[in-house]
Amino acid sequence: MLQILLVTFPFFALVLCGYLAARRRMLPLDAIPGLNGFVLFFALPCMLYRFGANTPLAQLLDAELFVTYLFCALVMVGFVVAVTLNCRIGWNDAAFGALVAAFPNTGFMGVPLLVALLGPAAAGPAIVTILVDLVITSSLCIALSRLDGATGAEGGGNSRRMSPREAAKNALKGVATNPMPWAIALGGFSSALQIELPKPVLQTVGLLADAASPVALFTIGAVLARSQMMTSDAGLKQTLPQPGQLAPLRDYVPVALFKLLLHPVLVLLVGIAAVQIGLQISPFALKVMVLVAALPSASNVSLLAERFGADTGRIARIILVSTALAFLTFSGAVSVLR
C-alpha cells in the first residue's frame, strides 16, 4: 500500500497545490481559464495523440470494452437520478449530479496516473472510456436535465427554455468542438497507418504532452477552489433559503461516495459477468476500467452545470469531496486489484 501511495501522492499533491494557490490568491482567478485553455486545447490533445499513436488500433476500437463501460455508465446515471430526484432537486440538478457520479476525471488525471501505475498499455482502455463519457454519458445527462423545462445560459447571459432534443444537439456540438476526441482519432489514424510526424513537430508535441499532466492536475485544484469561492460569494442562493447557510450533506456527500465506491464495484461486477458470458475483455483491460471508475469526478462538469443553469454549488462540492477522498479510496482500489 505504501508503494502505491508513493506513486499516487504527487498527483493529488499537485491538485492540492493548485487549490491552495487559488484560495490564497497566489494564482489570480482570472488566470484559471487561461490554464484550462492551455490544457484543453494544447497539452492534453498532444498527450492523447501520443498515446493513441503508440497504441494498437484494436485497443482503441475495443467494442466489447466500450459496450461494457457504457452499460455501467447508463446504470449509474439511472440509479443516481432515481435516488436524488425529489422536491428540492429537480431533473436539472439530478441529471448533473448523475453526470459527476458516472464521469471520472480520466483525461486530466486518469490517463497519466494509470500510465504511471500500470505502464503505457493502460492508455488504450482508458481512452475507450473517455470516448464513452465525452460522447454518450455527457449528452444523455444534458438531455435529461431539460426534462423539467430548465433554462440554459445563452450567449450574453440570457436564458431561454431548451427542449431535450435541442440540449442533446448542443451537447453533441460541444463534443464536435472538443479537441480530445479529435486528438484520439488522429492518434488512432497515425497508429493504423504507421505515420510518423517530422522530428521537429514530434518534439513539439512531446513537450506539450509532457506538460499536460502537471498543469492539468494543478488546474483541477484551482478550478475546484474557484468554484468553492464563487459559490460562497454568491451566498449559495440556488439551493438554500438563507444566504451563507451550509448545504445539507445529504445533497452531495452520497453522490461523491457513489462515484468513488459504487461505480468501481459496479464496473468490476459487470466486467466479470461480461467475461463469463463470452466477451473478450482481458484481465488487464478490466483492471484499468475499474480503476478509471474509481477516479474522482470530472472537474469540467461544473462548467457544464453553470452553462445549463444547474446548481453549480452542489456540483462543485461533489467534485471537491470526491477528489479529496479519492487519495485514499483510489489507492485502496489499486491495492485490492493488485
Protein backbone atom coordinates (compact mmCIF):
# COMPACT_ATOMS: atom_id res chain seq x y z
CA MET A 1 0.00 0.00 0.00
CA LEU A 2 2.85 2.38 0.84
CA GLN A 3 4.38 1.83 -2.58
CA ILE A 4 1.05 2.72 -4.22
CA LEU A 5 0.72 5.87 -2.12
CA LEU A 6 4.21 6.90 -3.18
CA VAL A 7 3.02 6.82 -6.81
CA THR A 8 -0.37 8.48 -6.28
CA PHE A 9 0.76 11.13 -3.77
CA PRO A 10 2.44 13.50 -6.29
CA PHE A 11 -0.70 13.55 -8.46
CA PHE A 12 -3.01 14.53 -5.62
CA ALA A 13 -0.37 16.86 -4.17
CA LEU A 14 -0.40 18.85 -7.42
CA VAL A 15 -4.19 19.15 -7.15
CA LEU A 16 -3.76 20.46 -3.60
CA CYS A 17 -1.11 22.94 -4.76
CA GLY A 18 -3.49 24.34 -7.37
CA TYR A 19 -6.28 24.54 -4.79
CA LEU A 20 -4.12 26.41 -2.26
CA ALA A 21 -2.68 28.71 -4.92
CA ALA A 22 -6.17 29.83 -5.93
CA ARG A 23 -7.53 30.03 -2.38
CA ARG A 24 -4.60 32.18 -1.24
CA ARG A 25 -4.78 34.31 -4.42
CA MET A 26 -1.23 33.39 -5.41
CA LEU A 27 -2.88 32.41 -8.68
CA PRO A 28 -5.33 35.11 -9.85
CA LEU A 29 -8.77 33.66 -10.51
CA ASP A 30 -8.78 35.39 -13.89
CA ALA A 31 -5.75 33.28 -14.88
CA ILE A 32 -7.53 29.95 -14.34
CA PRO A 33 -9.42 29.98 -17.68
CA GLY A 34 -6.07 30.50 -19.41
CA LEU A 35 -4.58 27.46 -17.67
CA ASN A 36 -7.67 25.46 -18.50
CA GLY A 37 -7.47 26.55 -22.15
CA PHE A 38 -3.81 25.57 -22.38
CA VAL A 39 -4.55 22.09 -21.02
CA LEU A 40 -7.74 21.51 -23.02
CA PHE A 41 -6.61 22.84 -26.41
CA PHE A 42 -2.87 22.22 -26.43
CA ALA A 43 -1.29 19.95 -23.81
CA LEU A 44 -3.96 17.29 -23.27
CA PRO A 45 -4.71 16.73 -27.00
CA CYS A 46 -0.98 16.23 -27.60
CA MET A 47 -0.79 13.72 -24.77
CA LEU A 48 -3.83 11.81 -26.05
CA TYR A 49 -2.49 11.92 -29.60
CA ARG A 50 0.82 10.47 -28.46
CA PHE A 51 -0.87 7.67 -26.53
CA GLY A 52 -3.24 6.99 -29.42
CA ALA A 53 -0.42 6.87 -31.95
CA ASN A 54 1.53 4.43 -29.77
CA THR A 55 -1.46 2.17 -29.03
CA PRO A 56 -2.56 -0.62 -31.39
CA LEU A 57 -5.73 0.38 -33.21
CA ALA A 58 -7.52 -2.77 -32.00
CA GLN A 59 -7.28 -1.50 -28.43
CA LEU A 60 -8.72 1.90 -29.36
CA LEU A 61 -11.62 0.20 -31.18
CA ASP A 62 -12.40 -2.36 -28.47
CA ALA A 63 -16.16 -2.60 -28.91
CA GLU A 64 -16.65 -5.09 -26.07
CA LEU A 65 -14.87 -2.82 -23.60
CA PHE A 66 -16.83 0.15 -24.95
CA VAL A 67 -20.21 -1.58 -24.51
CA THR A 68 -19.37 -2.88 -21.03
CA TYR A 69 -18.27 0.51 -19.74
CA LEU A 70 -21.22 2.21 -21.43
CA PHE A 71 -23.69 -0.15 -19.73
CA CYS A 72 -22.19 0.71 -16.34
CA ALA A 73 -22.37 4.44 -17.10
CA LEU A 74 -26.06 4.15 -18.02
CA VAL A 75 -26.80 2.20 -14.83
CA MET A 76 -25.01 4.83 -12.73
CA VAL A 77 -26.91 7.68 -14.38
CA GLY A 78 -30.27 5.96 -13.93
CA PHE A 79 -29.57 5.00 -10.32
CA VAL A 80 -28.30 8.41 -9.18
CA VAL A 81 -31.18 10.25 -10.87
CA ALA A 82 -33.67 7.87 -9.23
CA VAL A 83 -32.30 8.26 -5.70
CA THR A 84 -31.65 12.03 -5.79
CA LEU A 85 -34.71 13.35 -7.66
CA ASN A 86 -37.07 15.00 -5.13
CA CYS A 87 -38.99 18.18 -4.44
CA ARG A 88 -35.77 20.17 -3.91
CA ILE A 89 -33.58 18.53 -6.58
CA GLY A 90 -35.28 18.61 -9.97
CA TRP A 91 -34.30 16.98 -13.23
CA ASN A 92 -31.66 19.60 -13.98
CA ASP A 93 -29.72 19.17 -10.74
CA ALA A 94 -30.33 15.40 -10.56
CA ALA A 95 -29.02 14.91 -14.11
CA PHE A 96 -25.79 16.82 -13.48
CA GLY A 97 -25.39 15.04 -10.14
CA ALA A 98 -25.66 11.79 -12.08
CA LEU A 99 -23.06 13.04 -14.55
CA VAL A 100 -20.47 13.68 -11.83
CA ALA A 101 -21.27 10.23 -10.39
CA ALA A 102 -20.65 8.50 -13.73
CA PHE A 103 -17.98 10.69 -15.36
CA PRO A 104 -14.45 10.18 -13.92
CA ASN A 105 -11.65 12.69 -14.31
CA THR A 106 -9.97 10.41 -16.83
CA GLY A 107 -8.49 12.97 -19.21
CA PHE A 108 -6.96 15.44 -16.75
CA MET A 109 -5.96 12.91 -14.07
CA GLY A 110 -6.67 9.30 -15.00
CA VAL A 111 -4.53 8.68 -18.08
CA PRO A 112 -1.23 9.97 -16.64
CA LEU A 113 -1.93 8.39 -13.24
CA LEU A 114 -2.81 4.98 -14.67
CA VAL A 115 0.17 5.02 -17.00
CA ALA A 116 2.41 5.79 -14.01
CA LEU A 117 0.89 2.89 -12.07
CA LEU A 118 0.38 0.26 -14.77
CA GLY A 119 2.55 1.29 -17.71
CA PRO A 120 1.80 2.70 -21.19
CA ALA A 121 -0.55 -0.18 -22.03
CA ALA A 122 -3.12 1.34 -19.65
CA ALA A 123 -3.68 4.25 -22.04
CA GLY A 124 -5.69 2.21 -24.57
CA PRO A 125 -8.56 1.06 -22.28
CA ALA A 126 -8.60 4.46 -20.55
CA ILE A 127 -9.03 6.24 -23.88
CA VAL A 128 -12.01 3.99 -24.71
CA THR A 129 -13.73 5.14 -21.50
CA ILE A 130 -13.03 8.79 -22.35
CA LEU A 131 -14.91 8.38 -25.64
CA VAL A 132 -17.91 6.85 -23.82
CA ASP A 133 -18.11 9.67 -21.30
CA LEU A 134 -17.48 12.54 -23.72
CA VAL A 135 -19.84 11.38 -26.45
CA ILE A 136 -22.66 9.46 -24.75
CA THR A 137 -22.78 9.95 -20.96
CA SER A 138 -22.49 13.75 -21.16
CA SER A 139 -25.04 14.06 -23.97
CA LEU A 140 -27.54 11.83 -22.16
CA CYS A 141 -27.30 13.75 -18.89
CA ILE A 142 -27.63 17.12 -20.62
CA ALA A 143 -30.76 15.86 -22.39
CA LEU A 144 -32.18 14.57 -19.08
CA SER A 145 -31.51 17.93 -17.45
CA ARG A 146 -34.07 19.55 -19.76
CA LEU A 147 -36.98 17.34 -18.70
CA ASP A 148 -38.22 19.82 -16.09
CA GLY A 149 -38.13 22.73 -18.53
CA ALA A 150 -34.96 24.21 -17.06
CA THR A 151 -33.38 27.10 -18.91
CA GLY A 152 -29.88 27.18 -20.30
CA ALA A 153 -27.49 30.10 -20.40
CA GLU A 154 -27.01 31.51 -23.83
CA GLY A 155 -24.60 33.98 -25.39
CA GLY A 156 -24.88 37.21 -23.45
CA GLY A 157 -26.05 35.64 -20.20
CA ASN A 158 -29.74 35.47 -21.12
CA SER A 159 -31.69 32.25 -20.50
CA ARG A 160 -34.30 30.54 -22.58
CA ARG A 161 -36.16 27.26 -22.46
CA MET A 162 -34.46 24.32 -24.18
CA SER A 163 -36.02 21.03 -25.25
CA PRO A 164 -34.21 17.73 -24.53
CA ARG A 165 -33.58 17.34 -28.28
CA GLU A 166 -32.05 20.79 -28.54
CA ALA A 167 -29.95 20.20 -25.42
CA ALA A 168 -28.70 16.89 -26.83
CA LYS A 169 -27.90 18.62 -30.13
CA ASN A 170 -25.93 21.30 -28.28
CA ALA A 171 -24.12 18.61 -26.30
CA LEU A 172 -23.10 16.79 -29.48
CA LYS A 173 -21.99 20.10 -30.95
CA GLY A 174 -19.83 20.56 -27.86
CA VAL A 175 -18.33 17.11 -28.43
CA ALA A 176 -17.56 18.04 -32.04
CA THR A 177 -15.67 21.15 -30.93
CA ASN A 178 -13.85 19.36 -28.10
CA PRO A 179 -10.27 18.66 -29.21
CA MET A 180 -9.87 15.49 -27.13
CA PRO A 181 -11.91 13.10 -29.33
CA TRP A 182 -10.22 14.50 -32.42
CA ALA A 183 -6.77 14.03 -30.87
CA ILE A 184 -7.65 10.41 -30.07
CA ALA A 185 -8.95 9.88 -33.62
CA LEU A 186 -5.81 11.38 -35.16
CA GLY A 187 -3.65 9.25 -32.91
CA GLY A 188 -5.56 6.14 -33.94
CA PHE A 189 -5.23 7.12 -37.61
CA SER A 190 -1.47 7.53 -37.20
CA SER A 191 -1.28 4.18 -35.42
CA ALA A 192 -3.24 2.40 -38.15
CA LEU A 193 -1.17 3.84 -41.00
CA GLN A 194 2.13 3.87 -39.10
CA ILE A 195 2.53 7.59 -39.74
CA GLU A 196 5.46 9.31 -38.06
CA LEU A 197 5.47 13.07 -37.62
CA PRO A 198 8.51 15.07 -38.73
CA LYS A 199 11.04 15.21 -35.91
CA PRO A 200 10.60 18.96 -35.07
CA VAL A 201 6.81 18.53 -34.94
CA LEU A 202 7.15 15.35 -32.89
CA GLN A 203 9.39 17.13 -30.38
CA THR A 204 6.89 19.99 -30.08
CA VAL A 205 4.05 17.54 -29.50
CA GLY A 206 6.21 15.77 -26.93
CA LEU A 207 6.92 18.97 -25.00
CA LEU A 208 3.22 19.84 -24.85
CA ALA A 209 2.30 16.27 -23.92
CA ASP A 210 4.82 16.26 -21.08
CA ALA A 211 3.29 19.47 -19.73
CA ALA A 212 -0.25 18.05 -19.75
CA SER A 213 -0.13 16.05 -16.54
CA PRO A 214 1.34 18.61 -14.07
CA VAL A 215 -0.55 21.59 -15.48
CA ALA A 216 -3.84 19.66 -15.68
CA LEU A 217 -3.59 18.47 -12.07
CA PHE A 218 -2.68 21.97 -10.85
CA THR A 219 -5.61 23.36 -12.85
CA ILE A 220 -8.04 20.84 -11.32
CA GLY A 221 -7.21 22.18 -7.86
CA ALA A 222 -7.50 25.79 -8.99
CA VAL A 223 -10.88 25.15 -10.66
CA LEU A 224 -12.19 23.45 -7.52
CA ALA A 225 -11.05 26.37 -5.36
CA ARG A 226 -12.60 28.91 -7.71
CA SER A 227 -15.92 27.04 -7.78
CA GLN A 228 -15.99 26.91 -3.99
CA MET A 229 -15.11 30.59 -3.66
CA MET A 230 -17.67 31.70 -6.23
CA THR A 231 -20.35 29.62 -4.51
CA SER A 232 -19.55 31.17 -1.13
CA ASP A 233 -19.58 34.68 -2.59
CA ALA A 234 -22.98 34.06 -4.13
CA GLY A 235 -24.41 33.01 -0.78
CA LEU A 236 -25.45 29.62 -2.17
CA LYS A 237 -28.65 31.23 -3.41
CA GLN A 238 -29.53 28.42 -5.78
CA THR A 239 -30.22 25.79 -3.15
CA LEU A 240 -30.54 27.50 0.20
CA PRO A 241 -33.29 29.64 1.66
CA GLN A 242 -30.80 31.83 3.54
CA PRO A 243 -27.53 33.14 2.15
CA GLY A 244 -24.47 31.73 3.88
CA GLN A 245 -26.18 28.61 5.22
CA LEU A 246 -24.33 25.37 4.51
CA ALA A 247 -25.89 22.97 2.03
CA PRO A 248 -27.21 19.71 3.52
CA LEU A 249 -24.59 16.98 3.43
CA ARG A 250 -27.16 14.57 2.01
CA ASP A 251 -27.28 16.66 -1.16
CA TYR A 252 -23.70 15.96 -2.17
CA VAL A 253 -21.79 13.51 0.06
CA PRO A 254 -23.77 10.38 -1.03
CA VAL A 255 -23.20 11.20 -4.71
CA ALA A 256 -19.45 11.54 -4.09
CA LEU A 257 -19.48 8.15 -2.37
CA PHE A 258 -21.48 6.63 -5.24
CA LYS A 259 -18.72 7.84 -7.56
CA LEU A 260 -15.82 6.52 -5.52
CA LEU A 261 -17.27 3.25 -4.22
CA LEU A 262 -20.35 2.14 -6.14
CA HIS A 263 -19.07 2.97 -9.63
CA PRO A 264 -15.87 0.84 -9.49
CA VAL A 265 -17.69 -2.05 -7.80
CA LEU A 266 -20.36 -1.94 -10.49
CA VAL A 267 -17.75 -1.91 -13.28
CA LEU A 268 -15.90 -4.82 -11.67
CA LEU A 269 -19.04 -6.97 -11.30
CA VAL A 270 -20.38 -6.16 -14.76
CA GLY A 271 -16.93 -6.76 -16.27
CA ILE A 272 -16.68 -10.17 -14.62
CA ALA A 273 -20.19 -11.04 -15.81
CA ALA A 274 -19.30 -9.89 -19.34
CA VAL A 275 -16.26 -12.18 -19.38
CA GLN A 276 -18.40 -15.05 -18.10
CA ILE A 277 -20.87 -14.68 -20.98
CA GLY A 278 -18.08 -14.70 -23.54
CA LEU A 279 -16.95 -11.11 -24.11
CA GLN A 280 -13.25 -10.84 -24.83
CA ILE A 281 -12.08 -8.48 -22.10
CA SER A 282 -8.58 -9.12 -20.78
CA PRO A 283 -7.91 -9.04 -17.02
CA PHE A 284 -5.59 -6.07 -17.57
CA ALA A 285 -8.21 -4.06 -19.50
CA LEU A 286 -10.80 -4.84 -16.81
CA LYS A 287 -8.40 -3.65 -14.12
CA VAL A 288 -7.84 -0.39 -15.98
CA MET A 289 -11.58 0.09 -16.47
CA VAL A 290 -12.27 -0.45 -12.76
CA LEU A 291 -9.54 2.00 -11.76
CA VAL A 292 -10.94 4.57 -14.18
CA ALA A 293 -14.30 4.21 -12.40
CA ALA A 294 -12.52 4.68 -9.05
CA LEU A 295 -11.22 8.11 -10.10
CA PRO A 296 -12.85 11.26 -8.68
CA SER A 297 -15.49 13.17 -10.63
CA ALA A 298 -14.53 15.14 -13.74
CA SER A 299 -13.83 18.75 -12.82
CA ASN A 300 -15.21 20.16 -16.10
CA VAL A 301 -18.76 19.09 -15.21
CA SER A 302 -19.07 22.20 -13.03
CA LEU A 303 -18.61 24.32 -16.17
CA LEU A 304 -21.37 22.37 -17.94
CA ALA A 305 -23.64 22.73 -14.92
CA GLU A 306 -23.14 26.50 -14.94
CA ARG A 307 -23.86 26.69 -18.65
CA PHE A 308 -27.13 24.79 -18.31
CA GLY A 309 -28.34 26.55 -15.18
CA ALA A 310 -27.86 23.72 -12.66
CA ASP A 311 -26.80 24.12 -9.03
CA THR A 312 -23.09 24.71 -9.50
CA GLY A 313 -22.51 24.87 -5.75
CA ARG A 314 -23.75 21.31 -5.27
CA ILE A 315 -21.79 20.01 -8.26
CA ALA A 316 -18.60 21.73 -7.08
CA ARG A 317 -18.98 20.16 -3.62
CA ILE A 318 -19.44 16.68 -5.09
CA ILE A 319 -16.29 17.12 -7.19
CA LEU A 320 -14.33 18.55 -4.25
CA VAL A 321 -15.35 15.77 -1.83
CA SER A 322 -14.70 13.02 -4.38
CA THR A 323 -11.27 14.47 -5.23
CA ALA A 324 -10.26 14.79 -1.58
CA LEU A 325 -11.41 11.28 -0.63
CA ALA A 326 -10.01 9.67 -3.80
CA PHE A 327 -6.46 9.90 -2.48
CA LEU A 328 -7.35 7.06 -0.10
CA THR A 329 -10.13 5.27 -1.99
CA PHE A 330 -8.29 5.17 -5.32
CA SER A 331 -5.09 3.96 -3.67
CA GLY A 332 -7.15 1.34 -1.86
CA ALA A 333 -8.69 0.19 -5.15
CA VAL A 334 -5.23 -0.19 -6.69
CA SER A 335 -4.11 -2.22 -3.67
CA VAL A 336 -7.13 -4.53 -3.83
CA LEU A 337 -6.80 -5.14 -7.56
CA ARG A 338 -3.11 -5.94 -7.23
